[in-house]
Amino acid sequence: MKEYISKADAALLVGVTAPTITKWAQDGKFKVIGAGRVMRIHREEFLDWLRDSRGKEY
């Protein structure tokens, strides 16, 4: 079973704001379920994206 996190939780993991997570999702940097306030992010896929994107500027 996949574990999902909120954009607020994703923001805490990365050290950015929730609106930044929303913008990155809208830019297609990682997949999300839902939109706006009900956005959910698959935790492992987000962490994989984060590992792959280290060192890149956003």
PDB file of N, CA and C in Angstrom:
ATOM      1  N   MET A   1       0.840  -1.183   0.000  1.00  0.00           N
ATOM      2  CA  MET A   1       0.000   0.000   0.000  1.00  0.00           C
ATOM      3  C   MET A   1       0.886   1.248   0.000  1.00  0.00           C
ATOM      4  N   LYS A   2       0.565   2.175  -0.883  1.00  0.00           N
ATOM      5  CA  LYS A   2       1.358   3.392  -0.993  1.00  0.00           C
ATOM      6  C   LYS A   2       1.035   4.341   0.153  1.00  0.00           C
ATOM      7  N   GLU A   3       2.079   4.997   0.633  1.00  0.00           N
ATOM      8  CA  GLU A   3       1.917   5.993   1.689  1.00  0.00           C
ATOM      9  C   GLU A   3       1.979   7.377   1.053  1.00  0.00           C
ATOM     10  N   TYR A   4       0.988   8.205   1.352  1.00  0.00           N
ATOM     11  CA  TYR A   4       0.919   9.548   0.804  1.00  0.00           C
ATOM     12  C   TYR A   4       1.143  10.575   1.905  1.00  0.00           C
ATOM     13  N   ILE A   5       1.725  11.708   1.504  1.00  0.00           N
ATOM     14  CA  ILE A   5       1.948  12.807   2.432  1.00  0.00           C
ATOM     15  C   ILE A   5       1.284  14.066   1.878  1.00  0.00           C
ATOM     16  N   SER A   6       1.022  14.995   2.757  1.00  0.00           N
ATOM     17  CA  SER A   6       0.444  16.275   2.343  1.00  0.00           C
ATOM     18  C   SER A   6       1.548  17.176   1.799  1.00  0.00           C
ATOM     19  N   LYS A   7       1.135  18.247   1.131  1.00  0.00           N
ATOM     20  CA  LYS A   7       2.148  19.184   0.648  1.00  0.00           C
ATOM     21  C   LYS A   7       2.846  19.873   1.816  1.00  0.00           C
ATOM     22  N   ALA A   8       2.145  20.049   2.942  1.00  0.00           N
ATOM     23  CA  ALA A   8       2.786  20.635   4.128  1.00  0.00           C
ATOM     24  C   ALA A   8       3.881  19.710   4.659  1.00  0.00           C
ATOM     25  N   ASP A   9       3.607  18.406   4.684  1.00  0.00           N
ATOM     26  CA  ASP A   9       4.618  17.444   5.131  1.00  0.00           C
ATOM     27  C   ASP A   9       5.801  17.406   4.167  1.00  0.00           C
ATOM     28  N   ALA A  10       5.512  17.453   2.867  1.00  0.00           N
ATOM     29  CA  ALA A  10       6.584  17.471   1.867  1.00  0.00           C
ATOM     30  C   ALA A  10       7.441  18.721   2.043  1.00  0.00           C
ATOM     31  N   ALA A  11       6.792  19.852   2.312  1.00  0.00           N
ATOM     32  CA  ALA A  11       7.518  21.109   2.516  1.00  0.00           C
ATOM     33  C   ALA A  11       8.450  21.010   3.721  1.00  0.00           C
ATOM     34  N   LEU A  12       7.979  20.386   4.791  1.00  0.00           N
ATOM     35  CA  LEU A  12       8.822  20.212   5.980  1.00  0.00           C
ATOM     36  C   LEU A  12      10.033  19.326   5.681  1.00  0.00           C
ATOM     37  N   LEU A  13       9.828  18.281   4.882  1.00  0.00           N
ATOM     38  CA  LEU A  13      10.935  17.387   4.531  1.00  0.00           C
ATOM     39  C   LEU A  13      12.039  18.114   3.774  1.00  0.00           C
ATOM     40  N   VAL A  14      11.629  19.062   2.915  1.00  0.00           N
ATOM     41  CA  VAL A  14      12.582  19.748   2.045  1.00  0.00           C
ATOM     42  C   VAL A  14      13.069  21.064   2.644  1.00  0.00           C
ATOM     43  N   GLY A  15      12.274  21.660   3.522  1.00  0.00           N
ATOM     44  CA  GLY A  15      12.643  22.951   4.095  1.00  0.00           C
ATOM     45  C   GLY A  15      12.200  24.124   3.248  1.00  0.00           C
ATOM     46  N   VAL A  16      11.053  23.962   2.571  1.00  0.00           N
ATOM     47  CA  VAL A  16      10.479  25.039   1.763  1.00  0.00           C
ATOM     48  C   VAL A  16       9.038  25.247   2.225  1.00  0.00           C
ATOM     49  N   THR A  17       8.339  26.191   1.596  1.00  0.00           N
ATOM     50  CA  THR A  17       6.944  26.444   1.953  1.00  0.00           C
ATOM     51  C   THR A  17       6.008  25.541   1.148  1.00  0.00           C
ATOM     52  N   ALA A  18       4.782  25.383   1.644  1.00  0.00           N
ATOM     53  CA  ALA A  18       3.775  24.601   0.925  1.00  0.00           C
ATOM     54  C   ALA A  18       3.495  25.178  -0.471  1.00  0.00           C
ATOM     55  N   PRO A  19       3.438  26.522  -0.636  1.00  0.00           N
ATOM     56  CA  PRO A  19       3.251  27.051  -1.992  1.00  0.00           C
ATOM     57  C   PRO A  19       4.380  26.654  -2.958  1.00  0.00           C
ATOM     58  N   THR A  20       5.592  26.490  -2.452  1.00  0.00           N
ATOM     59  CA  THR A  20       6.692  26.040  -3.310  1.00  0.00           C
ATOM     60  C   THR A  20       6.433  24.613  -3.778  1.00  0.00           C
ATOM     61  N   ILE A  21       5.955  23.761  -2.882  1.00  0.00           N
ATOM     62  CA  ILE A  21       5.611  22.386  -3.255  1.00  0.00           C
ATOM     63  C   ILE A  21       4.520  22.398  -4.321  1.00  0.00           C
ATOM     64  N   THR A  22       3.513  23.263  -4.149  1.00  0.00           N
ATOM     65  CA  THR A  22       2.439  23.380  -5.137  1.00  0.00           C
ATOM     66  C   THR A  22       2.999  23.790  -6.490  1.00  0.00           C
ATOM     67  N   LYS A  23       3.883  24.774  -6.514  1.00  0.00           N
ATOM     68  CA  LYS A  23       4.478  25.229  -7.782  1.00  0.00           C
ATOM     69  C   LYS A  23       5.281  24.120  -8.434  1.00  0.00           C
ATOM     70  N   TRP A  24       6.100  23.418  -7.662  1.00  0.00           N
ATOM     71  CA  TRP A  24       6.889  22.320  -8.221  1.00  0.00           C
ATOM     72  C   TRP A  24       5.980  21.245  -8.812  1.00  0.00           C
ATOM     73  N   ALA A  25       4.877  20.947  -8.116  1.00  0.00           N
ATOM     74  CA  ALA A  25       3.927  19.948  -8.618  1.00  0.00           C
ATOM     75  C   ALA A  25       3.287  20.434  -9.918  1.00  0.00           C
ATOM     76  N   GLN A  26       2.905  21.708  -9.976  1.00  0.00           N
ATOM     77  CA  GLN A  26       2.320  22.275 -11.189  1.00  0.00           C
ATOM     78  C   GLN A  26       3.319  22.276 -12.338  1.00  0.00           C
ATOM     79  N   ASP A  27       4.595  22.411 -12.019  1.00  0.00           N
ATOM     80  CA  ASP A  27       5.650  22.373 -13.032  1.00  0.00           C
ATOM     81  C   ASP A  27       5.958  20.948 -13.480  1.00  0.00           C
ATOM     82  N   GLY A  28       5.323  19.953 -12.843  1.00  0.00           N
ATOM     83  CA  GLY A  28       5.499  18.558 -13.236  1.00  0.00           C
ATOM     84  C   GLY A  28       6.751  17.903 -12.687  1.00  0.00           C
ATOM     85  N   LYS A  29       7.310  18.451 -11.638  1.00  0.00           N
ATOM     86  CA  LYS A  29       8.544  17.895 -11.082  1.00  0.00           C
ATOM     87  C   LYS A  29       8.307  16.541 -10.419  1.00  0.00           C
ATOM     88  N   PHE A  30       7.103  16.295  -9.914  1.00  0.00           N
ATOM     89  CA  PHE A  30       6.721  15.008  -9.341  1.00  0.00           C
ATOM     90  C   PHE A  30       5.201  14.886  -9.446  1.00  0.00           C
ATOM     91  N   LYS A  31       4.706  13.660  -9.327  1.00  0.00           N
ATOM     92  CA  LYS A  31       3.276  13.399  -9.462  1.00  0.00           C
ATOM     93  C   LYS A  31       2.547  13.669  -8.153  1.00  0.00           C
ATOM     94  N   VAL A  32       1.307  14.131  -8.300  1.00  0.00           N
ATOM     95  CA  VAL A  32       0.448  14.348  -7.137  1.00  0.00           C
ATOM     96  C   VAL A  32      -0.936  13.784  -7.429  1.00  0.00           C
ATOM     97  N   ILE A  33      -1.680  13.567  -6.370  1.00  0.00           N
ATOM     98  CA  ILE A  33      -3.083  13.187  -6.479  1.00  0.00           C
ATOM     99  C   ILE A  33      -3.879  14.348  -5.911  1.00  0.00           C
ATOM    100  N   GLY A  34      -4.913  14.751  -6.628  1.00  0.00           N
ATOM    101  CA  GLY A  34      -5.705  15.891  -6.189  1.00  0.00           C
ATOM    102  C   GLY A  34      -5.057  17.186  -6.635  1.00  0.00           C
ATOM    103  N   ALA A  35      -5.570  18.279  -6.092  1.00  0.00           N
ATOM    104  CA  ALA A  35      -5.032  19.595  -6.434  1.00  0.00           C
ATOM    105  C   ALA A  35      -5.399  20.572  -5.333  1.00  0.00           C
ATOM    106  N   GLY A  36      -4.684  21.654  -5.292  1.00  0.00           N
ATOM    107  CA  GLY A  36      -4.977  22.689  -4.300  1.00  0.00           C
ATOM    108  C   GLY A  36      -4.804  22.201  -2.878  1.00  0.00           C
ATOM    109  N   ARG A  37      -5.823  22.395  -2.061  1.00  0.00           N
ATOM    110  CA  ARG A  37      -5.733  22.070  -0.634  1.00  0.00           C
ATOM    111  C   ARG A  37      -5.716  20.574  -0.352  1.00  0.00           C
ATOM    112  N   VAL A  38      -6.199  19.748  -1.271  1.00  0.00           N
ATOM    113  CA  VAL A  38      -6.279  18.301  -1.032  1.00  0.00           C
ATOM    114  C   VAL A  38      -5.172  17.522  -1.733  1.00  0.00           C
ATOM    115  N   MET A  39      -4.130  18.205  -2.137  1.00  0.00           N
ATOM    116  CA  MET A  39      -3.018  17.568  -2.836  1.00  0.00           C
ATOM    117  C   MET A  39      -2.336  16.533  -1.940  1.00  0.00           C
ATOM    118  N   ARG A  40      -2.108  15.333  -2.496  1.00  0.00           N
ATOM    119  CA  ARG A  40      -1.371  14.279  -1.801  1.00  0.00           C
ATOM    120  C   ARG A  40      -0.234  13.821  -2.694  1.00  0.00           C
ATOM    121  N   ILE A  41       0.883  13.502  -2.073  1.00  0.00           N
ATOM    122  CA  ILE A  41       2.105  13.139  -2.790  1.00  0.00           C
ATOM    123  C   ILE A  41       2.550  11.770  -2.309  1.00  0.00           C
ATOM    124  N   HIS A  42       2.840  10.880  -3.264  1.00  0.00           N
ATOM    125  CA  HIS A  42       3.350   9.567  -2.881  1.00  0.00           C
ATOM    126  C   HIS A  42       4.723   9.760  -2.252  1.00  0.00           C
ATOM    127  N   ARG A  43       4.856   9.346  -1.008  1.00  0.00           N
ATOM    128  CA  ARG A  43       6.056   9.634  -0.215  1.00  0.00           C
ATOM    129  C   ARG A  43       7.336   9.117  -0.864  1.00  0.00           C
ATOM    130  N   GLU A  44       7.371   7.847  -1.251  1.00  0.00           N
ATOM    131  CA  GLU A  44       8.599   7.268  -1.811  1.00  0.00           C
ATOM    132  C   GLU A  44       8.971   7.910  -3.144  1.00  0.00           C
ATOM    133  N   GLU A  45       7.975   8.183  -3.998  1.00  0.00           N
ATOM    134  CA  GLU A  45       8.256   8.839  -5.277  1.00  0.00           C
ATOM    135  C   GLU A  45       8.809  10.247  -5.045  1.00  0.00           C
ATOM    136  N   PHE A  46       8.260  10.953  -4.061  1.00  0.00           N
ATOM    137  CA  PHE A  46       8.749  12.292  -3.739  1.00  0.00           C
ATOM    138  C   PHE A  46      10.190  12.225  -3.243  1.00  0.00           C
ATOM    139  N   LEU A  47      10.486  11.277  -2.362  1.00  0.00           N
ATOM    140  CA  LEU A  47      11.852  11.142  -1.849  1.00  0.00           C
ATOM    141  C   LEU A  47      12.822  10.743  -2.958  1.00  0.00           C
ATOM    142  N   ASP A  48      12.371   9.894  -3.896  1.00  0.00           N
ATOM    143  CA  ASP A  48      13.207   9.542  -5.053  1.00  0.00           C
ATOM    144  C   ASP A  48      13.500  10.787  -5.885  1.00  0.00           C
ATOM    145  N   TRP A  49      12.463  11.596  -6.149  1.00  0.00           N
ATOM    146  CA  TRP A  49      12.655  12.829  -6.912  1.00  0.00           C
ATOM    147  C   TRP A  49      13.631  13.751  -6.180  1.00  0.00           C
ATOM    148  N   LEU A  50      13.472  13.841  -4.873  1.00  0.00           N
ATOM    149  CA  LEU A  50      14.340  14.703  -4.075  1.00  0.00           C
ATOM    150  C   LEU A  50      15.797  14.254  -4.175  1.00  0.00           C
ATOM    151  N   ARG A  51      16.047  12.956  -4.058  1.00  0.00           N
ATOM    152  CA  ARG A  51      17.416  12.433  -4.181  1.00  0.00           C
ATOM    153  C   ARG A  51      17.992  12.706  -5.570  1.00  0.00           C
ATOM    154  N   ASP A  52      17.167  12.516  -6.599  1.00  0.00           N
ATOM    155  CA  ASP A  52      17.626  12.729  -7.975  1.00  0.00           C
ATOM    156  C   ASP A  52      17.888  14.196  -8.286  1.00  0.00           C
ATOM    157  N   SER A  53      17.194  15.093  -7.593  1.00  0.00           N
ATOM    158  CA  SER A  53      17.295  16.518  -7.917  1.00  0.00           C
ATOM    159  C   SER A  53      18.304  17.271  -7.060  1.00  0.00           C
ATOM    160  N   ARG A  54      18.928  16.620  -6.136  1.00  0.00           N
ATOM    161  CA  ARG A  54      19.913  17.311  -5.279  1.00  0.00           C
ATOM    162  C   ARG A  54      20.986  17.960  -6.146  1.00  0.00           C
ATOM    163  N   GLY A  55      21.312  19.182  -5.815  1.00  0.00           N
ATOM    164  CA  GLY A  55      22.335  19.905  -6.554  1.00  0.00           C
ATOM    165  C   GLY A  55      21.782  20.728  -7.703  1.00  0.00           C
ATOM    166  N   LYS A  56      20.502  20.518  -8.054  1.00  0.00           N
ATOM    167  CA  LYS A  56      19.883  21.312  -9.110  1.00  0.00           C
ATOM    168  C   LYS A  56      19.232  22.532  -8.481  1.00  0.00           C
ATOM    169  N   GLU A  57      19.218  23.628  -9.214  1.00  0.00           N
ATOM    170  CA  GLU A  57      18.593  24.845  -8.708  1.00  0.00           C
ATOM    171  C   GLU A  57      17.138  24.892  -9.124  1.00  0.00           C
ATOM    172  N   TYR A  58      16.294  25.378  -8.207  1.00  0.00           N
ATOM    173  CA  TYR A  58      14.873  25.555  -8.506  1.00  0.00           C
ATOM    174  C   TYR A  58      14.545  26.965  -8.231  1.00  0.00           C
TER     175      TYR A  58
END
